[in-house]
């Protein structure tokens, strides 16, 4: 997936929480779990190498979010 940057698990969860993302597997045998926002867009994902968020969310100050 392009347009994503690797972040900590906590940061990815905060992005998902801030934008009402829900974590889901897109396919039964998928190795990628995605956080989907209310518009159906992928805002973060987890794969075998770590957590990633969309670059537009990567630098937001989400220190006020508990996730």
N, C-alpha and C. Protein backbone atom coordinates (compact mmCIF):
# COMPACT_ATOMS: atom_id res chain seq x y z
N UNK A 1 0.85 -1.18 0.00
CA UNK A 1 0.00 0.00 0.00
C UNK A 1 0.89 1.24 0.00
N UNK A 2 0.66 2.13 -0.91
CA UNK A 2 1.46 3.34 -0.96
C UNK A 2 0.77 4.45 -0.19
N UNK A 3 1.55 5.47 0.20
CA UNK A 3 0.98 6.58 0.95
C UNK A 3 0.85 6.31 2.43
N UNK A 4 1.56 5.29 2.91
CA UNK A 4 1.51 4.94 4.33
C UNK A 4 2.92 4.97 4.90
N UNK A 5 3.00 5.23 6.19
CA UNK A 5 4.29 5.29 6.88
C UNK A 5 4.23 4.41 8.12
N UNK A 6 5.34 3.75 8.42
CA UNK A 6 5.40 2.86 9.57
C UNK A 6 5.41 3.67 10.87
N UNK A 7 4.57 3.23 11.82
CA UNK A 7 4.45 3.91 13.12
C UNK A 7 4.36 2.85 14.21
N UNK A 8 4.29 3.31 15.45
CA UNK A 8 4.12 2.39 16.57
C UNK A 8 2.68 1.87 16.60
N UNK A 9 2.48 0.77 17.29
CA UNK A 9 1.12 0.23 17.44
C UNK A 9 0.22 1.25 18.11
N UNK A 10 0.73 1.95 19.11
CA UNK A 10 -0.06 2.95 19.81
C UNK A 10 -0.51 4.08 18.91
N UNK A 11 0.38 4.55 18.05
CA UNK A 11 0.03 5.64 17.13
C UNK A 11 -1.04 5.18 16.13
N UNK A 12 -0.90 3.98 15.61
CA UNK A 12 -1.89 3.46 14.67
C UNK A 12 -3.26 3.33 15.34
N UNK A 13 -3.27 2.86 16.56
CA UNK A 13 -4.54 2.72 17.29
C UNK A 13 -5.15 4.09 17.60
N UNK A 14 -4.32 5.08 17.89
CA UNK A 14 -4.82 6.43 18.15
C UNK A 14 -5.43 7.03 16.88
N UNK A 15 -4.80 6.81 15.74
CA UNK A 15 -5.36 7.30 14.48
C UNK A 15 -6.71 6.64 14.23
N UNK A 16 -6.78 5.34 14.41
CA UNK A 16 -8.04 4.63 14.21
C UNK A 16 -9.12 5.17 15.15
N UNK A 17 -8.77 5.37 16.40
CA UNK A 17 -9.72 5.88 17.39
C UNK A 17 -10.18 7.30 17.05
N UNK A 18 -9.25 8.15 16.66
CA UNK A 18 -9.56 9.55 16.37
C UNK A 18 -10.51 9.70 15.18
N UNK A 19 -10.44 8.78 14.24
CA UNK A 19 -11.26 8.89 13.04
C UNK A 19 -12.31 7.78 12.95
N UNK A 20 -12.70 7.26 14.10
CA UNK A 20 -13.74 6.23 14.20
C UNK A 20 -13.47 5.04 13.29
N UNK A 21 -12.20 4.67 13.20
CA UNK A 21 -11.83 3.52 12.38
C UNK A 21 -12.17 2.22 13.08
N UNK A 22 -12.53 1.23 12.31
CA UNK A 22 -12.77 -0.10 12.86
C UNK A 22 -11.78 -1.05 12.19
N UNK A 23 -11.12 -1.85 13.02
CA UNK A 23 -10.13 -2.79 12.52
C UNK A 23 -10.85 -4.02 11.98
N UNK A 24 -10.48 -4.44 10.77
CA UNK A 24 -11.10 -5.62 10.18
C UNK A 24 -10.17 -6.28 9.17
N UNK A 25 -10.41 -7.56 8.98
CA UNK A 25 -9.72 -8.33 7.96
C UNK A 25 -10.54 -8.21 6.68
N UNK A 26 -9.95 -7.85 5.56
CA UNK A 26 -10.69 -7.68 4.31
C UNK A 26 -11.00 -9.01 3.63
N UNK A 27 -10.23 -10.03 3.92
CA UNK A 27 -10.44 -11.34 3.32
C UNK A 27 -10.15 -12.41 4.37
N UNK A 28 -10.73 -13.57 4.17
CA UNK A 28 -10.62 -14.65 5.15
C UNK A 28 -9.17 -15.05 5.45
N UNK A 29 -8.32 -15.10 4.47
CA UNK A 29 -6.94 -15.53 4.66
C UNK A 29 -5.94 -14.38 4.55
N UNK A 30 -6.40 -13.18 4.75
CA UNK A 30 -5.54 -12.00 4.61
C UNK A 30 -4.50 -11.94 5.73
N UNK A 31 -3.35 -11.43 5.40
CA UNK A 31 -2.31 -11.19 6.40
C UNK A 31 -2.29 -9.73 6.81
N UNK A 32 -3.22 -8.94 6.26
CA UNK A 32 -3.29 -7.51 6.54
C UNK A 32 -4.62 -7.20 7.24
N UNK A 33 -4.52 -6.54 8.38
CA UNK A 33 -5.70 -6.07 9.09
C UNK A 33 -5.76 -4.56 8.91
N UNK A 34 -6.92 -4.05 8.46
CA UNK A 34 -7.04 -2.64 8.13
C UNK A 34 -7.98 -1.91 9.08
N UNK A 35 -7.66 -0.64 9.33
CA UNK A 35 -8.57 0.24 10.06
C UNK A 35 -9.30 1.05 9.00
N UNK A 36 -10.62 0.90 8.95
CA UNK A 36 -11.45 1.54 7.95
C UNK A 36 -12.25 2.66 8.61
N UNK A 37 -12.21 3.87 8.03
CA UNK A 37 -12.98 4.98 8.61
C UNK A 37 -14.44 4.94 8.14
N UNK A 38 -15.23 5.90 8.57
CA UNK A 38 -16.66 5.92 8.26
C UNK A 38 -16.94 6.06 6.77
N UNK A 39 -16.00 6.59 6.01
CA UNK A 39 -16.17 6.74 4.57
C UNK A 39 -15.70 5.51 3.79
N UNK A 40 -15.21 4.50 4.51
CA UNK A 40 -14.74 3.28 3.87
C UNK A 40 -13.30 3.33 3.40
N UNK A 41 -12.56 4.34 3.86
CA UNK A 41 -11.16 4.49 3.47
C UNK A 41 -10.23 3.81 4.48
N UNK A 42 -9.16 3.23 3.98
CA UNK A 42 -8.15 2.64 4.85
C UNK A 42 -7.32 3.77 5.43
N UNK A 43 -7.29 3.87 6.76
CA UNK A 43 -6.51 4.93 7.40
C UNK A 43 -5.29 4.38 8.11
N UNK A 44 -5.30 3.07 8.38
CA UNK A 44 -4.16 2.42 9.01
C UNK A 44 -4.25 0.93 8.70
N UNK A 45 -3.13 0.25 8.82
CA UNK A 45 -3.15 -1.19 8.65
C UNK A 45 -2.01 -1.84 9.41
N UNK A 46 -2.17 -3.12 9.63
CA UNK A 46 -1.17 -3.96 10.30
C UNK A 46 -0.86 -5.11 9.37
N UNK A 47 0.43 -5.33 9.14
CA UNK A 47 0.82 -6.50 8.37
C UNK A 47 1.96 -7.19 9.11
N UNK A 48 2.60 -8.12 8.49
CA UNK A 48 3.66 -8.89 9.14
C UNK A 48 4.88 -8.09 9.52
N UNK A 49 5.00 -6.87 9.02
CA UNK A 49 6.17 -6.06 9.32
C UNK A 49 5.89 -4.94 10.31
N UNK A 50 4.63 -4.70 10.65
CA UNK A 50 4.31 -3.67 11.63
C UNK A 50 3.05 -2.91 11.31
N UNK A 51 2.88 -1.79 12.02
CA UNK A 51 1.72 -0.92 11.87
C UNK A 51 2.05 0.26 10.97
N UNK A 52 1.07 0.66 10.17
CA UNK A 52 1.24 1.77 9.24
C UNK A 52 0.01 2.65 9.29
N UNK A 53 0.20 3.96 9.11
CA UNK A 53 -0.92 4.90 8.99
C UNK A 53 -0.73 5.71 7.71
N UNK A 54 -1.85 6.22 7.22
CA UNK A 54 -1.79 7.08 6.03
C UNK A 54 -0.91 8.27 6.36
N UNK A 55 -0.09 8.68 5.42
CA UNK A 55 0.86 9.77 5.68
C UNK A 55 0.18 11.06 6.10
N UNK A 56 -1.05 11.29 5.68
CA UNK A 56 -1.73 12.52 6.07
C UNK A 56 -2.08 12.55 7.55
N UNK A 57 -2.07 11.39 8.21
CA UNK A 57 -2.37 11.31 9.64
C UNK A 57 -1.13 11.09 10.50
N UNK A 58 -0.02 10.80 9.89
CA UNK A 58 1.17 10.38 10.61
C UNK A 58 1.75 11.44 11.54
N UNK A 59 1.58 12.70 11.23
CA UNK A 59 2.19 13.75 12.05
C UNK A 59 1.19 14.50 12.93
N UNK A 60 -0.05 14.05 12.97
CA UNK A 60 -1.04 14.71 13.81
C UNK A 60 -0.71 14.51 15.29
N UNK A 61 -0.98 15.53 16.09
CA UNK A 61 -0.81 15.41 17.54
C UNK A 61 -2.06 14.74 18.10
N UNK A 62 -1.92 13.49 18.47
CA UNK A 62 -3.04 12.73 19.02
C UNK A 62 -2.81 12.38 20.48
N UNK A 63 -2.04 13.21 21.15
CA UNK A 63 -1.70 12.93 22.55
C UNK A 63 -2.93 12.94 23.45
N UNK A 64 -4.00 13.58 23.02
CA UNK A 64 -5.23 13.64 23.81
C UNK A 64 -6.10 12.39 23.62
N UNK A 65 -5.74 11.51 22.69
CA UNK A 65 -6.51 10.29 22.41
C UNK A 65 -5.97 9.14 23.26
N UNK A 66 -6.86 8.44 23.92
CA UNK A 66 -6.47 7.25 24.65
C UNK A 66 -6.86 6.03 23.83
N UNK A 67 -5.89 5.22 23.52
CA UNK A 67 -6.18 4.02 22.73
C UNK A 67 -5.40 2.85 23.27
